[in-house]
Amino acid sequence: MIDYPWNYLLFIFAFLVAYIDKFFFMKDGIILSMDGIFPKKIGNRVEDSKWARILSNISSAAAVIFVIDMFIKFLQQEADKIQQQIGNLQ
């Protein structure tokens, strides 16, 4: 999981899913209707959608994975610093 380019895609995915959930699926979110090519706002949600909790859990899980990955990167950097200091002592 360390130093792969898709780690940043995971962060972007979590960010986008969280905002889509907030603006379209949770209470007071926007309800859109398609009139031809362009969407038209027809109102606001009165209550959460059944998908709101699922999307919230997905974005939370992605954010937790990203934080764990950042912590692992931090630990690896600190381990490299310690190995370099030990190498300089010998």
PDB file of N, CA and C in Angstrom:
ATOM      1  N   MET A   1       0.802  -1.190   0.000  1.00  0.00           N
ATOM      2  CA  MET A   1       0.000   0.000   0.000  1.00  0.00           C
ATOM      3  C   MET A   1       0.851   1.262   0.000  1.00  0.00           C
ATOM      4  N   ILE A   2       2.102   1.117   0.192  1.00  0.00           N
ATOM      5  CA  ILE A   2       2.967   2.281   0.350  1.00  0.00           C
ATOM      6  C   ILE A   2       3.463   2.770  -1.009  1.00  0.00           C
ATOM      7  N   ASP A   3       3.397   4.076  -1.212  1.00  0.00           N
ATOM      8  CA  ASP A   3       3.930   4.768  -2.389  1.00  0.00           C
ATOM      9  C   ASP A   3       3.358   4.265  -3.707  1.00  0.00           C
ATOM     10  N   TYR A   4       2.100   4.009  -3.747  1.00  0.00           N
ATOM     11  CA  TYR A   4       1.432   3.705  -5.002  1.00  0.00           C
ATOM     12  C   TYR A   4       0.643   4.935  -5.436  1.00  0.00           C
ATOM     13  N   PRO A   5       0.582   5.198  -6.735  1.00  0.00           N
ATOM     14  CA  PRO A   5      -0.155   6.391  -7.178  1.00  0.00           C
ATOM     15  C   PRO A   5      -1.650   6.321  -6.878  1.00  0.00           C
ATOM     16  N   TRP A   6      -2.207   5.116  -6.735  1.00  0.00           N
ATOM     17  CA  TRP A   6      -3.647   5.023  -6.496  1.00  0.00           C
ATOM     18  C   TRP A   6      -4.023   5.435  -5.085  1.00  0.00           C
ATOM     19  N   ASN A   7      -3.045   5.635  -4.199  1.00  0.00           N
ATOM     20  CA  ASN A   7      -3.364   6.138  -2.861  1.00  0.00           C
ATOM     21  C   ASN A   7      -3.996   7.518  -2.937  1.00  0.00           C
ATOM     22  N   TYR A   8      -3.503   8.342  -3.853  1.00  0.00           N
ATOM     23  CA  TYR A   8      -4.068   9.675  -4.011  1.00  0.00           C
ATOM     24  C   TYR A   8      -5.445   9.601  -4.671  1.00  0.00           C
ATOM     25  N   LEU A   9      -5.639   8.633  -5.531  1.00  0.00           N
ATOM     26  CA  LEU A   9      -6.961   8.436  -6.117  1.00  0.00           C
ATOM     27  C   LEU A   9      -7.965   8.017  -5.049  1.00  0.00           C
ATOM     28  N   LEU A  10      -7.515   7.240  -4.068  1.00  0.00           N
ATOM     29  CA  LEU A  10      -8.381   6.859  -2.960  1.00  0.00           C
ATOM     30  C   LEU A  10      -8.807   8.090  -2.166  1.00  0.00           C
ATOM     31  N   PHE A  11      -7.886   9.014  -1.933  1.00  0.00           N
ATOM     32  CA  PHE A  11      -8.212  10.239  -1.213  1.00  0.00           C
ATOM     33  C   PHE A  11      -9.203  11.082  -2.004  1.00  0.00           C
ATOM     34  N   ILE A  12      -8.977  11.224  -3.294  1.00  0.00           N
ATOM     35  CA  ILE A  12      -9.895  12.000  -4.140  1.00  0.00           C
ATOM     36  C   ILE A  12     -11.268  11.339  -4.180  1.00  0.00           C
ATOM     37  N   PHE A  13     -11.298   9.988  -4.260  1.00  0.00           N
ATOM     38  CA  PHE A  13     -12.554   9.253  -4.251  1.00  0.00           C
ATOM     39  C   PHE A  13     -13.330   9.504  -2.961  1.00  0.00           C
ATOM     40  N   ALA A  14     -12.655   9.440  -1.821  1.00  0.00           N
ATOM     41  CA  ALA A  14     -13.320   9.665  -0.532  1.00  0.00           C
ATOM     42  C   ALA A  14     -13.871  11.086  -0.453  1.00  0.00           C
ATOM     43  N   PHE A  15     -13.103  12.042  -0.935  1.00  0.00           N
ATOM     44  CA  PHE A  15     -13.522  13.443  -0.930  1.00  0.00           C
ATOM     45  C   PHE A  15     -14.765  13.644  -1.793  1.00  0.00           C
ATOM     46  N   LEU A  16     -14.749  13.101  -3.004  1.00  0.00           N
ATOM     47  CA  LEU A  16     -15.888  13.271  -3.910  1.00  0.00           C
ATOM     48  C   LEU A  16     -17.141  12.563  -3.402  1.00  0.00           C
ATOM     49  N   VAL A  17     -16.997  11.355  -2.889  1.00  0.00           N
ATOM     50  CA  VAL A  17     -18.160  10.621  -2.379  1.00  0.00           C
ATOM     51  C   VAL A  17     -18.764  11.351  -1.181  1.00  0.00           C
ATOM     52  N   ALA A  18     -17.928  11.902  -0.318  1.00  0.00           N
ATOM     53  CA  ALA A  18     -18.437  12.624   0.852  1.00  0.00           C
ATOM     54  C   ALA A  18     -19.243  13.858   0.425  1.00  0.00           C
ATOM     55  N   TYR A  19     -18.750  14.588  -0.563  1.00  0.00           N
ATOM     56  CA  TYR A  19     -19.482  15.776  -1.002  1.00  0.00           C
ATOM     57  C   TYR A  19     -20.727  15.434  -1.811  1.00  0.00           C
ATOM     58  N   ILE A  20     -20.677  14.400  -2.605  1.00  0.00           N
ATOM     59  CA  ILE A  20     -21.879  13.966  -3.320  1.00  0.00           C
ATOM     60  C   ILE A  20     -22.943  13.542  -2.315  1.00  0.00           C
ATOM     61  N   ASP A  21     -22.522  12.820  -1.283  1.00  0.00           N
ATOM     62  CA  ASP A  21     -23.454  12.392  -0.239  1.00  0.00           C
ATOM     63  C   ASP A  21     -24.072  13.603   0.456  1.00  0.00           C
ATOM     64  N   LYS A  22     -23.238  14.580   0.783  1.00  0.00           N
ATOM     65  CA  LYS A  22     -23.722  15.751   1.509  1.00  0.00           C
ATOM     66  C   LYS A  22     -24.692  16.577   0.670  1.00  0.00           C
ATOM     67  N   PHE A  23     -24.383  16.798  -0.587  1.00  0.00           N
ATOM     68  CA  PHE A  23     -25.182  17.714  -1.403  1.00  0.00           C
ATOM     69  C   PHE A  23     -26.390  17.068  -2.075  1.00  0.00           C
ATOM     70  N   PHE A  24     -26.408  15.744  -2.207  1.00  0.00           N
ATOM     71  CA  PHE A  24     -27.501  15.129  -2.952  1.00  0.00           C
ATOM     72  C   PHE A  24     -28.299  14.084  -2.178  1.00  0.00           C
ATOM     73  N   PHE A  25     -27.723  13.414  -1.174  1.00  0.00           N
ATOM     74  CA  PHE A  25     -28.409  12.300  -0.535  1.00  0.00           C
ATOM     75  C   PHE A  25     -28.821  12.555   0.908  1.00  0.00           C
ATOM     76  N   MET A  26     -28.245  13.535   1.582  1.00  0.00           N
ATOM     77  CA  MET A  26     -28.595  13.805   2.972  1.00  0.00           C
ATOM     78  C   MET A  26     -29.721  14.836   3.050  1.00  0.00           C
ATOM     79  N   LYS A  27     -30.224  15.043   4.266  1.00  0.00           N
ATOM     80  CA  LYS A  27     -31.308  15.994   4.483  1.00  0.00           C
ATOM     81  C   LYS A  27     -30.908  17.375   3.978  1.00  0.00           C
ATOM     82  N   ASP A  28     -31.835  18.065   3.379  1.00  0.00           N
ATOM     83  CA  ASP A  28     -31.651  19.382   2.747  1.00  0.00           C
ATOM     84  C   ASP A  28     -30.765  19.318   1.514  1.00  0.00           C
ATOM     85  N   GLY A  29     -30.558  18.131   0.963  1.00  0.00           N
ATOM     86  CA  GLY A  29     -29.802  17.982  -0.276  1.00  0.00           C
ATOM     87  C   GLY A  29     -30.654  18.376  -1.477  1.00  0.00           C
ATOM     88  N   ILE A  30     -30.033  18.519  -2.604  1.00  0.00           N
ATOM     89  CA  ILE A  30     -30.701  18.964  -3.823  1.00  0.00           C
ATOM     90  C   ILE A  30     -31.323  17.766  -4.542  1.00  0.00           C
ATOM     91  N   ILE A  31     -32.558  17.942  -5.009  1.00  0.00           N
ATOM     92  CA  ILE A  31     -33.213  16.942  -5.849  1.00  0.00           C
ATOM     93  C   ILE A  31     -33.243  17.510  -7.263  1.00  0.00           C
ATOM     94  N   LEU A  32     -32.677  16.760  -8.204  1.00  0.00           N
ATOM     95  CA  LEU A  32     -32.585  17.218  -9.583  1.00  0.00           C
ATOM     96  C   LEU A  32     -33.519  16.428 -10.484  1.00  0.00           C
ATOM     97  N   SER A  33     -33.970  17.090 -11.537  1.00  0.00           N
ATOM     98  CA  SER A  33     -34.759  16.438 -12.576  1.00  0.00           C
ATOM     99  C   SER A  33     -34.097  16.755 -13.911  1.00  0.00           C
ATOM    100  N   MET A  34     -34.050  15.776 -14.791  1.00  0.00           N
ATOM    101  CA  MET A  34     -33.419  15.987 -16.097  1.00  0.00           C
ATOM    102  C   MET A  34     -34.463  16.458 -17.104  1.00  0.00           C
ATOM    103  N   ASP A  35     -34.263  17.659 -17.617  1.00  0.00           N
ATOM    104  CA  ASP A  35     -35.091  18.193 -18.696  1.00  0.00           C
ATOM    105  C   ASP A  35     -34.205  18.329 -19.923  1.00  0.00           C
ATOM    106  N   GLY A  36     -34.155  17.283 -20.711  1.00  0.00           N
ATOM    107  CA  GLY A  36     -33.271  17.293 -21.869  1.00  0.00           C
ATOM    108  C   GLY A  36     -31.846  17.041 -21.421  1.00  0.00           C
ATOM    109  N   ILE A  37     -30.953  17.963 -21.746  1.00  0.00           N
ATOM    110  CA  ILE A  37     -29.537  17.808 -21.415  1.00  0.00           C
ATOM    111  C   ILE A  37     -29.222  18.383 -20.033  1.00  0.00           C
ATOM    112  N   PHE A  38     -29.903  19.430 -19.661  1.00  0.00           N
ATOM    113  CA  PHE A  38     -29.546  20.162 -18.454  1.00  0.00           C
ATOM    114  C   PHE A  38     -30.416  19.733 -17.267  1.00  0.00           C
ATOM    115  N   PRO A  39     -29.786  19.516 -16.100  1.00  0.00           N
ATOM    116  CA  PRO A  39     -30.576  19.184 -14.904  1.00  0.00           C
ATOM    117  C   PRO A  39     -31.249  20.427 -14.335  1.00  0.00           C
ATOM    118  N   LYS A  40     -32.388  20.217 -13.698  1.00  0.00           N
ATOM    119  CA  LYS A  40     -33.142  21.317 -13.106  1.00  0.00           C
ATOM    120  C   LYS A  40     -33.429  20.972 -11.648  1.00  0.00           C
ATOM    121  N   LYS A  41     -33.216  21.916 -10.767  1.00  0.00           N
ATOM    122  CA  LYS A  41     -33.476  21.702  -9.344  1.00  0.00           C
ATOM    123  C   LYS A  41     -34.995  21.743  -9.123  1.00  0.00           C
ATOM    124  N   ILE A  42     -35.516  20.681  -8.501  1.00  0.00           N
ATOM    125  CA  ILE A  42     -36.955  20.655  -8.244  1.00  0.00           C
ATOM    126  C   ILE A  42     -37.281  20.715  -6.750  1.00  0.00           C
ATOM    127  N   GLY A  43     -36.265  20.742  -5.901  1.00  0.00           N
ATOM    128  CA  GLY A  43     -36.529  20.862  -4.475  1.00  0.00           C
ATOM    129  C   GLY A  43     -35.376  20.380  -3.625  1.00  0.00           C
ATOM    130  N   ASN A  44     -35.633  20.348  -2.318  1.00  0.00           N
ATOM    131  CA  ASN A  44     -34.655  19.873  -1.341  1.00  0.00           C
ATOM    132  C   ASN A  44     -35.209  18.649  -0.635  1.00  0.00           C
ATOM    133  N   ARG A  45     -34.329  17.770  -0.199  1.00  0.00           N
ATOM    134  CA  ARG A  45     -34.745  16.562   0.517  1.00  0.00           C
ATOM    135  C   ARG A  45     -35.254  16.913   1.906  1.00  0.00           C
ATOM    136  N   VAL A  46     -36.306  16.226   2.315  1.00  0.00           N
ATOM    137  CA  VAL A  46     -36.867  16.418   3.648  1.00  0.00           C
ATOM    138  C   VAL A  46     -36.175  15.500   4.646  1.00  0.00           C
ATOM    139  N   GLU A  47     -35.780  14.312   4.202  1.00  0.00           N
ATOM    140  CA  GLU A  47     -35.091  13.360   5.064  1.00  0.00           C
ATOM    141  C   GLU A  47     -33.957  12.707   4.279  1.00  0.00           C
ATOM    142  N   ASP A  48     -33.088  11.995   4.991  1.00  0.00           N
ATOM    143  CA  ASP A  48     -31.956  11.325   4.356  1.00  0.00           C
ATOM    144  C   ASP A  48     -32.434  10.248   3.394  1.00  0.00           C
ATOM    145  N   SER A  49     -31.695  10.080   2.316  1.00  0.00           N
ATOM    146  CA  SER A  49     -31.960   8.999   1.378  1.00  0.00           C
ATOM    147  C   SER A  49     -31.492   7.680   1.986  1.00  0.00           C
ATOM    148  N   LYS A  50     -31.976   6.557   1.440  1.00  0.00           N
ATOM    149  CA  LYS A  50     -31.528   5.258   1.952  1.00  0.00           C
ATOM    150  C   LYS A  50     -30.065   5.009   1.592  1.00  0.00           C
ATOM    151  N   TRP A  51     -29.524   5.719   0.605  1.00  0.00           N
ATOM    152  CA  TRP A  51     -28.130   5.580   0.201  1.00  0.00           C
ATOM    153  C   TRP A  51     -27.191   6.470   1.003  1.00  0.00           C
ATOM    154  N   ALA A  52     -27.722   7.407   1.772  1.00  0.00           N
ATOM    155  CA  ALA A  52     -26.873   8.363   2.495  1.00  0.00           C
ATOM    156  C   ALA A  52     -25.950   7.657   3.482  1.00  0.00           C
ATOM    157  N   ARG A  53     -26.480   6.718   4.242  1.00  0.00           N
ATOM    158  CA  ARG A  53     -25.655   6.019   5.232  1.00  0.00           C
ATOM    159  C   ARG A  53     -24.602   5.144   4.556  1.00  0.00           C
ATOM    160  N   ILE A  54     -24.963   4.502   3.452  1.00  0.00           N
ATOM    161  CA  ILE A  54     -24.011   3.642   2.734  1.00  0.00           C
ATOM    162  C   ILE A  54     -22.859   4.467   2.184  1.00  0.00           C
ATOM    163  N   LEU A  55     -23.174   5.583   1.540  1.00  0.00           N
ATOM    164  CA  LEU A  55     -22.115   6.443   1.002  1.00  0.00           C
ATOM    165  C   LEU A  55     -21.263   7.050   2.107  1.00  0.00           C
ATOM    166  N   SER A  56     -21.881   7.360   3.224  1.00  0.00           N
ATOM    167  CA  SER A  56     -21.128   7.887   4.359  1.00  0.00           C
ATOM    168  C   SER A  56     -20.145   6.854   4.887  1.00  0.00           C
ATOM    169  N   ASN A  57     -20.587   5.604   4.977  1.00  0.00           N
ATOM    170  CA  ASN A  57     -19.694   4.536   5.444  1.00  0.00           C
ATOM    171  C   ASN A  57     -18.554   4.292   4.465  1.00  0.00           C
ATOM    172  N   ILE A  58     -18.834   4.355   3.179  1.00  0.00           N
ATOM    173  CA  ILE A  58     -17.790   4.156   2.166  1.00  0.00           C
ATOM    174  C   ILE A  58     -16.735   5.254   2.256  1.00  0.00           C
ATOM    175  N   SER A  59     -17.180   6.503   2.344  1.00  0.00           N
ATOM    176  CA  SER A  59     -16.204   7.603   2.413  1.00  0.00           C
ATOM    177  C   SER A  59     -15.431   7.574   3.729  1.00  0.00           C
ATOM    178  N   SER A  60     -16.072   7.169   4.814  1.00  0.00           N
ATOM    179  CA  SER A  60     -15.364   7.064   6.097  1.00  0.00           C
ATOM    180  C   SER A  60     -14.313   5.961   6.052  1.00  0.00           C
ATOM    181  N   ALA A  61     -14.661   4.829   5.460  1.00  0.00           N
ATOM    182  CA  ALA A  61     -13.692   3.731   5.351  1.00  0.00           C
ATOM    183  C   ALA A  61     -12.504   4.138   4.485  1.00  0.00           C
ATOM    184  N   ALA A  62     -12.761   4.835   3.381  1.00  0.00           N
ATOM    185  CA  ALA A  62     -11.668   5.283   2.515  1.00  0.00           C
ATOM    186  C   ALA A  62     -10.780   6.286   3.252  1.00  0.00           C
ATOM    187  N   ALA A  63     -11.372   7.168   4.032  1.00  0.00           N
ATOM    188  CA  ALA A  63     -10.584   8.141   4.786  1.00  0.00           C
ATOM    189  C   ALA A  63      -9.730   7.455   5.861  1.00  0.00           C
ATOM    190  N   VAL A  64     -10.276   6.438   6.516  1.00  0.00           N
ATOM    191  CA  VAL A  64      -9.511   5.706   7.532  1.00  0.00           C
ATOM    192  C   VAL A  64      -8.338   4.971   6.894  1.00  0.00           C
ATOM    193  N   ILE A  65      -8.567   4.357   5.741  1.00  0.00           N
ATOM    194  CA  ILE A  65      -7.480   3.671   5.025  1.00  0.00           C
ATOM    195  C   ILE A  65      -6.397   4.665   4.638  1.00  0.00           C
ATOM    196  N   PHE A  66      -6.777   5.837   4.188  1.00  0.00           N
ATOM    197  CA  PHE A  66      -5.799   6.851   3.797  1.00  0.00           C
ATOM    198  C   PHE A  66      -4.987   7.329   5.004  1.00  0.00           C
ATOM    199  N   VAL A  67      -5.632   7.525   6.148  1.00  0.00           N
ATOM    200  CA  VAL A  67      -4.919   7.972   7.350  1.00  0.00           C
ATOM    201  C   VAL A  67      -3.950   6.886   7.832  1.00  0.00           C
ATOM    202  N   ILE A  68      -4.375   5.637   7.802  1.00  0.00           N
ATOM    203  CA  ILE A  68      -3.484   4.532   8.184  1.00  0.00           C
ATOM    204  C   ILE A  68      -2.280   4.480   7.255  1.00  0.00           C
ATOM    205  N   ASP A  69      -2.509   4.672   5.963  1.00  0.00           N
ATOM    206  CA  ASP A  69      -1.419   4.664   4.997  1.00  0.00           C
ATOM    207  C   ASP A  69      -0.435   5.811   5.256  1.00  0.00           C
ATOM    208  N   MET A  70      -0.954   6.991   5.577  1.00  0.00           N
ATOM    209  CA  MET A  70      -0.073   8.117   5.890  1.00  0.00           C
ATOM    210  C   MET A  70       0.741   7.845   7.150  1.00  0.00           C
ATOM    211  N   PHE A  71       0.135   7.195   8.142  1.00  0.00           N
ATOM    212  CA  PHE A  71       0.857   6.852   9.373  1.00  0.00           C
ATOM    213  C   PHE A  71       1.965   5.843   9.079  1.00  0.00           C
ATOM    214  N   ILE A  72       1.693   4.871   8.213  1.00  0.00           N
ATOM    215  CA  ILE A  72       2.719   3.888   7.834  1.00  0.00           C
ATOM    216  C   ILE A  72       3.878   4.576   7.116  1.00  0.00           C
ATOM    217  N   LYS A  73       3.560   5.526   6.229  1.00  0.00           N
ATOM    218  CA  LYS A  73       4.620   6.276   5.541  1.00  0.00           C
ATOM    219  C   LYS A  73       5.472   7.051   6.545  1.00  0.00           C
ATOM    220  N   PHE A  74       4.810   7.661   7.533  1.00  0.00           N
ATOM    221  CA  PHE A  74       5.540   8.394   8.559  1.00  0.00           C
ATOM    222  C   PHE A  74       6.473   7.474   9.331  1.00  0.00           C
ATOM    223  N   LEU A  75       5.987   6.303   9.721  1.00  0.00           N
ATOM    224  CA  LEU A  75       6.826   5.356  10.459  1.00  0.00           C
ATOM    225  C   LEU A  75       8.009   4.888   9.617  1.00  0.00           C
ATOM    226  N   GLN A  76       7.803   4.667   8.327  1.00  0.00           N
ATOM    227  CA  GLN A  76       8.909   4.264   7.461  1.00  0.00           C
ATOM    228  C   GLN A  76       9.954   5.356   7.333  1.00  0.00           C
ATOM    229  N   GLN A  77       9.525   6.607   7.250  1.00  0.00           N
ATOM    230  CA  GLN A  77      10.476   7.711   7.168  1.00  0.00           C
ATOM    231  C   GLN A  77      11.292   7.819   8.457  1.00  0.00           C
ATOM    232  N   GLU A  78      10.643   7.652   9.586  1.00  0.00           N
ATOM    233  CA  GLU A  78      11.361   7.713  10.859  1.00  0.00           C
ATOM    234  C   GLU A  78      12.335   6.544  10.992  1.00  0.00           C
ATOM    235  N   ALA A  79      11.924   5.362  10.531  1.00  0.00           N
ATOM    236  CA  ALA A  79      12.827   4.202  10.577  1.00  0.00           C
ATOM    237  C   ALA A  79      14.042   4.431   9.685  1.00  0.00           C
ATOM    238  N   ASP A  80      13.841   5.039   8.519  1.00  0.00           N
ATOM    239  CA  ASP A  80      14.968   5.348   7.634  1.00  0.00           C
ATOM    240  C   ASP A  80      15.929   6.343   8.289  1.00  0.00           C
ATOM    241  N   LYS A  81      15.387   7.346   8.984  1.00  0.00           N
ATOM    242  CA  LYS A  81      16.240   8.313   9.673  1.00  0.00           C
ATOM    243  C   LYS A  81      17.078   7.632  10.756  1.00  0.00           C
ATOM    244  N   ILE A  82      16.460   6.743  11.499  1.00  0.00           N
ATOM    245  CA  ILE A  82      17.184   6.030  12.562  1.00  0.00           C
ATOM    246  C   ILE A  82      18.271   5.153  11.964  1.00  0.00           C
ATOM    247  N   GLN A  83      17.984   4.455  10.865  1.00  0.00           N
ATOM    248  CA  GLN A  83      18.991   3.617  10.212  1.00  0.00           C
ATOM    249  C   GLN A  83      20.144   4.462   9.686  1.00  0.00           C
ATOM    250  N   GLN A  84      19.860   5.643   9.164  1.00  0.00           N
ATOM    251  CA  GLN A  84      20.931   6.508   8.687  1.00  0.00           C
ATOM    252  C   GLN A  84      21.785   6.994   9.835  1.00  0.00           C
ATOM    253  N   GLN A  85      21.167   7.339  10.970  1.00  0.00           N
ATOM    254  CA  GLN A  85      21.942   7.789  12.133  1.00  0.00           C
ATOM    255  C   GLN A  85      22.816   6.671  12.674  1.00  0.00           C
ATOM    256  N   ILE A  86      22.309   5.452  12.690  1.00  0.00           N
ATOM    257  CA  ILE A  86      23.104   4.315  13.157  1.00  0.00           C
ATOM    258  C   ILE A  86      24.246   4.042  12.182  1.00  0.00           C
ATOM    259  N   GLY A  87      23.981   4.170  10.891  1.00  0.00           N
ATOM    260  CA  GLY A  87      25.025   3.975   9.886  1.00  0.00           C
ATOM    261  C   GLY A  87      26.114   5.002   9.973  1.00  0.00           C
ATOM    262  N   ASN A  88      25.774   6.234  10.353  1.00  0.00           N
ATOM    263  CA  ASN A  88      26.776   7.296  10.493  1.00  0.00           C
ATOM    264  C   ASN A  88      27.629   7.110  11.748  1.00  0.00           C
ATOM    265  N   LEU A  89      27.117   6.395  12.743  1.00  0.00           N
ATOM    266  CA  LEU A  89      27.882   6.169  13.970  1.00  0.00           C
ATOM    267  C   LEU A  89      28.965   5.117  13.789  1.00  0.00           C
ATOM    268  N   GLN A  90      28.788   4.213  12.843  1.00  0.00           N
ATOM    269  CA  GLN A  90      29.758   3.140  12.689  1.00  0.00           C
ATOM    270  C   GLN A  90      30.936   3.532  11.869  1.00  0.00           C
TER     271      GLN A  90
END
